[in-house]
N, C-alpha and C. Protein backbone atom coordinates (compact mmCIF):
# COMPACT_ATOMS: atom_id res chain seq x y z
N MET A 1 38.04 9.83 -12.48
CA MET A 1 38.03 8.47 -13.01
C MET A 1 37.03 8.42 -14.16
N GLU A 2 37.47 8.53 -15.37
CA GLU A 2 36.63 8.50 -16.57
C GLU A 2 36.50 7.05 -17.03
N ILE A 3 35.26 6.60 -17.23
CA ILE A 3 35.03 5.23 -17.66
C ILE A 3 34.28 5.27 -18.98
N ASN A 4 34.89 4.76 -20.05
CA ASN A 4 34.22 4.77 -21.34
C ASN A 4 33.26 3.60 -21.45
N SER A 5 32.40 3.64 -22.46
CA SER A 5 31.34 2.64 -22.61
C SER A 5 31.87 1.22 -22.77
N ASN A 6 33.04 1.04 -23.38
CA ASN A 6 33.61 -0.29 -23.55
C ASN A 6 34.04 -0.91 -22.21
N GLU A 7 34.42 -0.06 -21.28
CA GLU A 7 34.89 -0.54 -19.98
C GLU A 7 33.76 -0.77 -18.98
N ARG A 8 32.58 -0.20 -19.22
CA ARG A 8 31.49 -0.22 -18.25
C ARG A 8 31.11 -1.63 -17.78
N LYS A 9 30.94 -2.54 -18.71
CA LYS A 9 30.51 -3.89 -18.36
C LYS A 9 31.55 -4.57 -17.48
N LYS A 10 32.81 -4.44 -17.85
CA LYS A 10 33.90 -5.03 -17.07
C LYS A 10 33.97 -4.39 -15.68
N VAL A 11 33.86 -3.09 -15.64
CA VAL A 11 33.94 -2.34 -14.38
C VAL A 11 32.76 -2.69 -13.47
N LYS A 12 31.58 -2.85 -14.06
CA LYS A 12 30.38 -3.17 -13.28
C LYS A 12 30.60 -4.41 -12.39
N ASN A 13 31.32 -5.38 -12.91
CA ASN A 13 31.58 -6.61 -12.14
C ASN A 13 32.66 -6.43 -11.08
N MET A 14 33.38 -5.31 -11.12
CA MET A 14 34.45 -5.06 -10.15
C MET A 14 33.97 -4.25 -8.94
N ILE A 15 32.72 -3.80 -8.96
CA ILE A 15 32.20 -2.95 -7.89
C ILE A 15 31.83 -3.79 -6.68
N GLU A 16 32.29 -3.35 -5.52
CA GLU A 16 31.97 -4.01 -4.25
C GLU A 16 30.92 -3.17 -3.54
N TYR A 17 29.91 -3.84 -3.00
CA TYR A 17 28.88 -3.17 -2.22
C TYR A 17 28.99 -3.65 -0.79
N ARG A 18 28.96 -2.70 0.14
CA ARG A 18 29.06 -3.06 1.55
C ARG A 18 28.39 -2.01 2.43
N ILE A 19 28.17 -2.39 3.68
CA ILE A 19 27.59 -1.48 4.67
C ILE A 19 28.52 -0.28 4.82
N MET A 20 27.92 0.90 4.89
CA MET A 20 28.70 2.12 5.12
C MET A 20 29.16 2.17 6.57
N THR A 21 30.40 2.59 6.78
CA THR A 21 30.92 2.83 8.12
C THR A 21 31.45 4.26 8.18
N ILE A 22 31.73 4.71 9.36
CA ILE A 22 32.25 6.07 9.51
C ILE A 22 33.60 6.23 8.80
N ASP A 23 34.31 5.15 8.58
CA ASP A 23 35.58 5.22 7.83
C ASP A 23 35.37 5.66 6.38
N ASP A 24 34.13 5.56 5.88
CA ASP A 24 33.80 5.99 4.52
C ASP A 24 33.43 7.47 4.46
N TYR A 25 33.37 8.13 5.61
CA TYR A 25 32.81 9.48 5.68
C TYR A 25 33.47 10.47 4.70
N GLU A 26 34.77 10.59 4.71
CA GLU A 26 35.43 11.61 3.89
C GLU A 26 35.10 11.42 2.41
N GLU A 27 35.18 10.19 1.93
CA GLU A 27 34.88 9.95 0.51
C GLU A 27 33.41 10.15 0.21
N ALA A 28 32.54 9.73 1.12
CA ALA A 28 31.10 9.92 0.92
C ALA A 28 30.77 11.41 0.90
N TYR A 29 31.33 12.15 1.83
CA TYR A 29 31.08 13.60 1.90
C TYR A 29 31.54 14.29 0.62
N GLU A 30 32.72 13.93 0.16
CA GLU A 30 33.25 14.50 -1.08
C GLU A 30 32.32 14.20 -2.25
N LEU A 31 31.78 12.98 -2.29
CA LEU A 31 30.85 12.60 -3.34
C LEU A 31 29.53 13.37 -3.23
N TRP A 32 29.02 13.54 -2.01
CA TRP A 32 27.79 14.33 -1.82
C TRP A 32 27.99 15.76 -2.34
N ILE A 33 29.14 16.33 -2.06
CA ILE A 33 29.44 17.69 -2.53
C ILE A 33 29.49 17.71 -4.07
N ARG A 34 30.21 16.76 -4.65
CA ARG A 34 30.33 16.69 -6.12
C ARG A 34 28.98 16.53 -6.80
N CYS A 35 28.08 15.80 -6.14
CA CYS A 35 26.76 15.52 -6.74
C CYS A 35 25.74 16.60 -6.42
N GLY A 36 26.11 17.57 -5.60
CA GLY A 36 25.20 18.68 -5.31
C GLY A 36 24.15 18.39 -4.27
N ASN A 37 24.39 17.41 -3.41
CA ASN A 37 23.44 17.13 -2.34
C ASN A 37 23.35 18.32 -1.39
N GLY A 38 22.18 18.59 -0.88
CA GLY A 38 22.01 19.64 0.11
C GLY A 38 22.49 19.14 1.46
N LEU A 39 23.46 19.80 2.03
CA LEU A 39 24.06 19.38 3.30
C LEU A 39 24.01 20.53 4.29
N ASN A 40 24.32 20.23 5.54
CA ASN A 40 24.52 21.29 6.52
C ASN A 40 25.68 20.92 7.43
N ASN A 41 26.19 21.90 8.15
CA ASN A 41 27.41 21.70 8.94
C ASN A 41 27.20 20.90 10.22
N LYS A 42 25.97 20.65 10.63
CA LYS A 42 25.72 19.88 11.86
C LYS A 42 25.41 18.41 11.53
N ASP A 43 24.27 18.20 10.89
CA ASP A 43 23.82 16.83 10.62
C ASP A 43 24.78 16.06 9.71
N ASP A 44 25.43 16.76 8.82
CA ASP A 44 26.29 16.11 7.84
C ASP A 44 27.77 16.19 8.19
N SER A 45 28.06 16.65 9.40
CA SER A 45 29.45 16.62 9.89
C SER A 45 29.82 15.16 10.17
N ARG A 46 31.09 14.93 10.36
CA ARG A 46 31.53 13.57 10.70
C ARG A 46 30.80 13.07 11.94
N GLU A 47 30.66 13.93 12.95
CA GLU A 47 29.98 13.55 14.19
C GLU A 47 28.51 13.25 13.93
N GLY A 48 27.87 14.06 13.09
CA GLY A 48 26.46 13.84 12.76
C GLY A 48 26.23 12.53 12.03
N ILE A 49 27.07 12.23 11.06
CA ILE A 49 26.93 10.99 10.31
C ILE A 49 27.30 9.79 11.18
N ASP A 50 28.29 9.93 12.06
CA ASP A 50 28.64 8.86 12.98
C ASP A 50 27.44 8.50 13.87
N LYS A 51 26.77 9.51 14.38
CA LYS A 51 25.58 9.29 15.22
C LYS A 51 24.49 8.57 14.41
N TYR A 52 24.29 9.00 13.19
CA TYR A 52 23.28 8.39 12.32
C TYR A 52 23.60 6.92 12.05
N LEU A 53 24.85 6.63 11.72
CA LEU A 53 25.25 5.26 11.41
C LEU A 53 25.17 4.36 12.65
N LYS A 54 25.45 4.90 13.82
CA LYS A 54 25.32 4.11 15.04
C LYS A 54 23.86 3.79 15.34
N ARG A 55 22.97 4.72 15.04
CA ARG A 55 21.54 4.50 15.25
C ARG A 55 20.97 3.57 14.19
N ASN A 56 21.56 3.56 13.01
CA ASN A 56 21.11 2.76 11.87
C ASN A 56 22.30 1.99 11.29
N PRO A 57 22.80 0.99 12.00
CA PRO A 57 24.06 0.36 11.61
C PRO A 57 24.02 -0.57 10.39
N SER A 58 22.84 -0.92 9.92
CA SER A 58 22.80 -1.93 8.85
C SER A 58 21.97 -1.52 7.64
N THR A 59 21.72 -0.23 7.46
CA THR A 59 20.83 0.19 6.38
C THR A 59 21.46 1.16 5.38
N SER A 60 22.67 1.61 5.60
CA SER A 60 23.36 2.53 4.68
C SER A 60 24.48 1.76 3.98
N TYR A 61 24.67 2.05 2.70
CA TYR A 61 25.62 1.29 1.89
C TYR A 61 26.51 2.20 1.05
N VAL A 62 27.66 1.65 0.67
CA VAL A 62 28.54 2.29 -0.29
C VAL A 62 28.85 1.31 -1.41
N ALA A 63 29.15 1.87 -2.57
CA ALA A 63 29.65 1.11 -3.71
C ALA A 63 31.11 1.53 -3.87
N VAL A 64 32.00 0.56 -3.97
CA VAL A 64 33.44 0.83 -3.99
C VAL A 64 34.05 0.24 -5.26
N LEU A 65 34.83 1.06 -5.94
CA LEU A 65 35.55 0.65 -7.13
C LEU A 65 37.00 1.08 -6.97
N ASP A 66 37.91 0.13 -7.08
CA ASP A 66 39.34 0.42 -6.91
C ASP A 66 39.62 1.16 -5.61
N LYS A 67 39.01 0.69 -4.53
CA LYS A 67 39.19 1.23 -3.18
C LYS A 67 38.68 2.67 -3.03
N LYS A 68 37.81 3.11 -3.95
CA LYS A 68 37.26 4.46 -3.92
C LYS A 68 35.74 4.38 -3.90
N VAL A 69 35.12 5.14 -3.00
CA VAL A 69 33.66 5.18 -2.92
C VAL A 69 33.12 5.89 -4.16
N VAL A 70 32.29 5.19 -4.93
CA VAL A 70 31.70 5.76 -6.14
C VAL A 70 30.19 5.87 -6.04
N GLY A 71 29.63 5.36 -4.96
CA GLY A 71 28.19 5.47 -4.73
C GLY A 71 27.91 5.33 -3.25
N VAL A 72 26.84 6.00 -2.80
CA VAL A 72 26.49 5.96 -1.38
C VAL A 72 24.99 6.16 -1.23
N ILE A 73 24.42 5.47 -0.25
CA ILE A 73 23.03 5.71 0.13
C ILE A 73 22.98 5.73 1.65
N LEU A 74 22.58 6.86 2.19
CA LEU A 74 22.40 7.02 3.62
C LEU A 74 20.94 6.72 3.89
N CYS A 75 20.69 5.69 4.68
CA CYS A 75 19.32 5.21 4.88
C CYS A 75 19.15 4.77 6.32
N GLY A 76 17.99 5.05 6.87
CA GLY A 76 17.71 4.64 8.24
C GLY A 76 16.22 4.61 8.50
N HIS A 77 15.85 4.50 9.76
CA HIS A 77 14.43 4.49 10.12
C HIS A 77 14.26 4.90 11.57
N ASP A 78 13.02 5.22 11.90
CA ASP A 78 12.69 5.61 13.27
C ASP A 78 11.92 4.51 13.99
N GLY A 79 11.88 3.31 13.41
CA GLY A 79 11.13 2.21 13.97
C GLY A 79 9.78 2.04 13.29
N ARG A 80 9.37 3.04 12.56
CA ARG A 80 8.08 3.03 11.88
C ARG A 80 8.22 3.28 10.38
N ARG A 81 8.96 4.32 10.00
CA ARG A 81 9.15 4.68 8.60
C ARG A 81 10.64 4.71 8.27
N GLY A 82 10.94 4.24 7.07
CA GLY A 82 12.29 4.35 6.58
C GLY A 82 12.47 5.69 5.88
N ILE A 83 13.72 6.13 5.81
CA ILE A 83 14.02 7.36 5.08
C ILE A 83 15.35 7.18 4.34
N ILE A 84 15.32 7.59 3.09
CA ILE A 84 16.54 7.57 2.27
C ILE A 84 17.02 9.00 2.16
N GLN A 85 18.31 9.18 2.42
CA GLN A 85 18.92 10.49 2.39
C GLN A 85 20.27 10.40 1.68
N HIS A 86 20.66 11.46 1.05
CA HIS A 86 22.00 11.55 0.47
C HIS A 86 22.40 10.34 -0.36
N ALA A 87 21.55 9.98 -1.29
CA ALA A 87 21.88 8.91 -2.22
C ALA A 87 22.49 9.52 -3.47
N CYS A 88 23.63 9.01 -3.88
CA CYS A 88 24.23 9.52 -5.12
C CYS A 88 25.28 8.55 -5.65
N VAL A 89 25.54 8.71 -6.93
CA VAL A 89 26.56 7.92 -7.63
C VAL A 89 27.46 8.92 -8.35
N SER A 90 28.74 8.66 -8.31
CA SER A 90 29.71 9.50 -9.01
C SER A 90 29.27 9.68 -10.46
N PRO A 91 29.28 10.91 -10.96
CA PRO A 91 28.83 11.16 -12.33
C PRO A 91 29.51 10.29 -13.38
N ASP A 92 30.77 9.96 -13.21
CA ASP A 92 31.45 9.13 -14.21
C ASP A 92 31.19 7.64 -14.04
N CYS A 93 30.39 7.27 -13.05
CA CYS A 93 30.05 5.85 -12.85
C CYS A 93 28.54 5.60 -12.96
N ARG A 94 27.83 6.55 -13.50
CA ARG A 94 26.38 6.39 -13.65
C ARG A 94 26.06 5.49 -14.84
N ARG A 95 24.83 5.02 -14.86
CA ARG A 95 24.33 4.14 -15.91
C ARG A 95 25.00 2.78 -15.90
N MET A 96 25.41 2.35 -14.69
CA MET A 96 26.00 1.01 -14.54
C MET A 96 25.23 0.19 -13.51
N GLY A 97 24.07 0.68 -13.08
CA GLY A 97 23.25 -0.06 -12.12
C GLY A 97 23.62 0.14 -10.67
N ILE A 98 24.56 1.04 -10.39
CA ILE A 98 25.03 1.25 -9.02
C ILE A 98 23.90 1.82 -8.15
N GLY A 99 23.22 2.83 -8.65
CA GLY A 99 22.10 3.40 -7.89
C GLY A 99 21.02 2.38 -7.60
N ASN A 100 20.66 1.60 -8.62
CA ASN A 100 19.65 0.55 -8.44
C ASN A 100 20.06 -0.43 -7.36
N LYS A 101 21.30 -0.86 -7.40
CA LYS A 101 21.79 -1.85 -6.43
C LYS A 101 21.81 -1.26 -5.02
N LEU A 102 22.25 -0.01 -4.87
CA LEU A 102 22.26 0.62 -3.55
C LEU A 102 20.85 0.73 -2.99
N VAL A 103 19.89 1.12 -3.82
CA VAL A 103 18.50 1.21 -3.37
C VAL A 103 17.99 -0.16 -2.96
N ASP A 104 18.24 -1.18 -3.78
CA ASP A 104 17.80 -2.54 -3.44
C ASP A 104 18.37 -3.01 -2.10
N LEU A 105 19.65 -2.76 -1.88
CA LEU A 105 20.28 -3.16 -0.62
C LEU A 105 19.64 -2.45 0.56
N ALA A 106 19.44 -1.15 0.44
CA ALA A 106 18.86 -0.37 1.52
C ALA A 106 17.42 -0.80 1.81
N LEU A 107 16.63 -0.99 0.76
CA LEU A 107 15.23 -1.41 0.97
C LEU A 107 15.15 -2.80 1.57
N ASP A 108 16.01 -3.71 1.12
CA ASP A 108 16.04 -5.06 1.71
C ASP A 108 16.40 -4.98 3.20
N ALA A 109 17.36 -4.13 3.54
CA ALA A 109 17.77 -3.99 4.95
C ALA A 109 16.60 -3.44 5.79
N LEU A 110 15.88 -2.47 5.24
CA LEU A 110 14.73 -1.92 5.96
C LEU A 110 13.64 -2.98 6.15
N GLU A 111 13.38 -3.76 5.11
CA GLU A 111 12.37 -4.83 5.23
C GLU A 111 12.76 -5.83 6.31
N LYS A 112 14.03 -6.19 6.38
CA LYS A 112 14.49 -7.12 7.42
C LYS A 112 14.29 -6.56 8.82
N GLU A 113 14.24 -5.24 8.93
CA GLU A 113 14.03 -4.60 10.23
C GLU A 113 12.55 -4.28 10.48
N GLY A 114 11.68 -4.81 9.62
CA GLY A 114 10.24 -4.67 9.82
C GLY A 114 9.65 -3.34 9.36
N ILE A 115 10.37 -2.62 8.53
CA ILE A 115 9.87 -1.34 8.03
C ILE A 115 9.03 -1.59 6.77
N ASN A 116 7.85 -0.99 6.72
CA ASN A 116 6.90 -1.24 5.64
C ASN A 116 6.77 -0.11 4.62
N LYS A 117 7.29 1.06 4.94
CA LYS A 117 7.14 2.21 4.04
C LYS A 117 8.39 3.08 4.14
N VAL A 118 8.77 3.65 3.01
CA VAL A 118 9.99 4.46 2.94
C VAL A 118 9.67 5.80 2.29
N LEU A 119 10.31 6.85 2.80
CA LEU A 119 10.17 8.16 2.20
C LEU A 119 11.54 8.72 1.85
N LEU A 120 11.51 9.72 1.01
CA LEU A 120 12.73 10.45 0.68
C LEU A 120 12.34 11.85 0.24
N VAL A 121 13.30 12.72 0.29
CA VAL A 121 13.12 14.10 -0.17
C VAL A 121 14.15 14.33 -1.28
N ALA A 122 13.67 14.84 -2.41
CA ALA A 122 14.57 15.17 -3.53
C ALA A 122 14.27 16.60 -3.96
N PHE A 123 15.30 17.37 -4.17
CA PHE A 123 15.11 18.74 -4.63
C PHE A 123 14.36 18.74 -5.97
N LYS A 124 13.44 19.67 -6.13
CA LYS A 124 12.69 19.78 -7.39
C LYS A 124 13.62 20.00 -8.56
N LYS A 125 14.72 20.74 -8.34
CA LYS A 125 15.66 21.05 -9.42
C LYS A 125 16.45 19.83 -9.90
N ASN A 126 16.43 18.75 -9.12
CA ASN A 126 17.19 17.55 -9.44
C ASN A 126 16.37 16.65 -10.38
N GLU A 127 16.29 17.05 -11.63
CA GLU A 127 15.46 16.32 -12.59
C GLU A 127 15.92 14.88 -12.80
N GLY A 128 17.23 14.68 -12.90
CA GLY A 128 17.75 13.32 -13.07
C GLY A 128 17.44 12.44 -11.86
N GLY A 129 17.64 12.99 -10.67
CA GLY A 129 17.35 12.25 -9.46
C GLY A 129 15.87 11.92 -9.33
N ASN A 130 15.02 12.89 -9.65
CA ASN A 130 13.59 12.65 -9.56
C ASN A 130 13.12 11.59 -10.57
N ALA A 131 13.69 11.59 -11.75
CA ALA A 131 13.37 10.56 -12.74
C ALA A 131 13.84 9.19 -12.23
N PHE A 132 15.02 9.16 -11.61
CA PHE A 132 15.53 7.90 -11.05
C PHE A 132 14.56 7.36 -9.99
N TRP A 133 14.14 8.23 -9.06
CA TRP A 133 13.26 7.76 -7.98
C TRP A 133 11.91 7.32 -8.52
N GLU A 134 11.41 8.01 -9.52
CA GLU A 134 10.14 7.60 -10.15
C GLU A 134 10.30 6.20 -10.75
N ALA A 135 11.42 5.96 -11.44
CA ALA A 135 11.68 4.65 -12.04
C ALA A 135 11.83 3.56 -10.97
N GLN A 136 12.25 3.95 -9.77
CA GLN A 136 12.38 3.00 -8.66
C GLN A 136 11.04 2.70 -7.99
N GLY A 137 9.97 3.37 -8.42
CA GLY A 137 8.64 3.13 -7.86
C GLY A 137 8.24 4.08 -6.75
N PHE A 138 9.04 5.12 -6.51
CA PHE A 138 8.69 6.13 -5.50
C PHE A 138 7.74 7.14 -6.15
N THR A 139 6.57 7.28 -5.58
CA THR A 139 5.57 8.18 -6.14
C THR A 139 5.69 9.56 -5.51
N LEU A 140 5.31 10.56 -6.27
CA LEU A 140 5.33 11.94 -5.80
C LEU A 140 4.05 12.21 -5.02
N ARG A 141 4.21 12.71 -3.79
CA ARG A 141 3.06 13.08 -2.96
C ARG A 141 2.74 14.55 -3.20
N GLU A 142 1.61 14.83 -3.78
CA GLU A 142 1.22 16.20 -4.03
C GLU A 142 0.17 16.68 -3.04
N ASP A 143 -0.17 15.80 -2.07
CA ASP A 143 -1.21 16.12 -1.11
C ASP A 143 -0.67 16.61 0.23
N LEU A 144 0.63 16.87 0.28
CA LEU A 144 1.20 17.33 1.54
C LEU A 144 2.29 18.34 1.32
N ASN A 145 2.63 19.04 2.37
CA ASN A 145 3.75 19.98 2.35
C ASN A 145 4.83 19.44 3.26
N TYR A 146 6.05 19.58 2.85
CA TYR A 146 7.20 19.22 3.68
C TYR A 146 7.58 20.44 4.50
N ARG A 147 7.73 20.25 5.79
CA ARG A 147 8.14 21.35 6.67
C ARG A 147 9.25 20.86 7.58
N ASN A 148 10.11 21.78 7.98
CA ASN A 148 11.12 21.44 8.98
C ASN A 148 11.40 22.66 9.83
N LYS A 149 12.04 22.42 10.94
CA LYS A 149 12.41 23.50 11.85
C LYS A 149 13.76 23.13 12.47
N ALA A 150 14.70 24.01 12.32
CA ALA A 150 16.03 23.77 12.90
C ALA A 150 15.99 24.02 14.40
N LEU A 151 16.53 23.09 15.15
CA LEU A 151 16.62 23.23 16.60
C LEU A 151 17.98 23.76 17.03
N ALA A 152 18.87 23.91 16.08
CA ALA A 152 20.20 24.48 16.31
C ALA A 152 20.54 25.30 15.08
N GLU A 153 21.39 26.28 15.24
CA GLU A 153 21.80 27.08 14.09
C GLU A 153 22.69 26.23 13.19
N MET A 154 22.37 26.26 11.92
CA MET A 154 23.10 25.45 10.94
C MET A 154 23.49 26.30 9.75
N ILE A 155 24.55 25.88 9.11
CA ILE A 155 24.99 26.52 7.87
C ILE A 155 24.68 25.55 6.75
N ARG A 156 23.89 26.00 5.77
CA ARG A 156 23.57 25.18 4.61
C ARG A 156 24.80 25.09 3.71
N ILE A 157 25.05 23.91 3.21
CA ILE A 157 26.14 23.69 2.27
C ILE A 157 25.49 23.21 0.98
N ASP A 158 24.99 24.18 0.22
CA ASP A 158 24.27 23.91 -1.01
C ASP A 158 24.47 25.12 -1.90
N PRO A 159 25.21 24.99 -2.95
CA PRO A 159 25.54 26.16 -3.78
C PRO A 159 24.32 26.84 -4.40
N ASP A 160 23.21 26.13 -4.54
CA ASP A 160 22.03 26.71 -5.17
C ASP A 160 21.00 27.19 -4.16
N TYR A 161 21.30 27.09 -2.87
CA TYR A 161 20.33 27.48 -1.84
C TYR A 161 20.20 28.99 -1.77
N VAL A 162 18.96 29.46 -1.78
CA VAL A 162 18.67 30.88 -1.65
C VAL A 162 17.68 31.02 -0.51
N LYS A 163 18.00 31.90 0.46
CA LYS A 163 17.09 32.10 1.60
C LYS A 163 15.85 32.84 1.15
């Protein structure tokens, strides 16, 4: 779906924003792959995302244009901290405010649930994404290290991942 600059303003008004449901999974997953999000075969499977959405039913959103998901933000919390994961906008629909609107919706939903602080992880190689998050007011923490440990064997779905 190629959108030229003359159509952007008109198209921007046609975008619908709504809570993400498991029915959006296939299109969201396809978009995550197209945008180069780091995924794995367990957490990001249909079953994994269904579990996440059931635990966080009102904090993840999609942007829909012509019945097609063109933006998604997977967002939730543990009761104390919010976390934004797998946020992306279709490359041909960028620079139309979709990312900004998805972030605003997710942050508003977290605030309504009493969450006071939000974190996210962005790959260092994702220069555009990191610039976006900086512009959104997310500061880079240089005083800590991010660590994780897999409790189950997983297959990374990231074309640039090197062990």
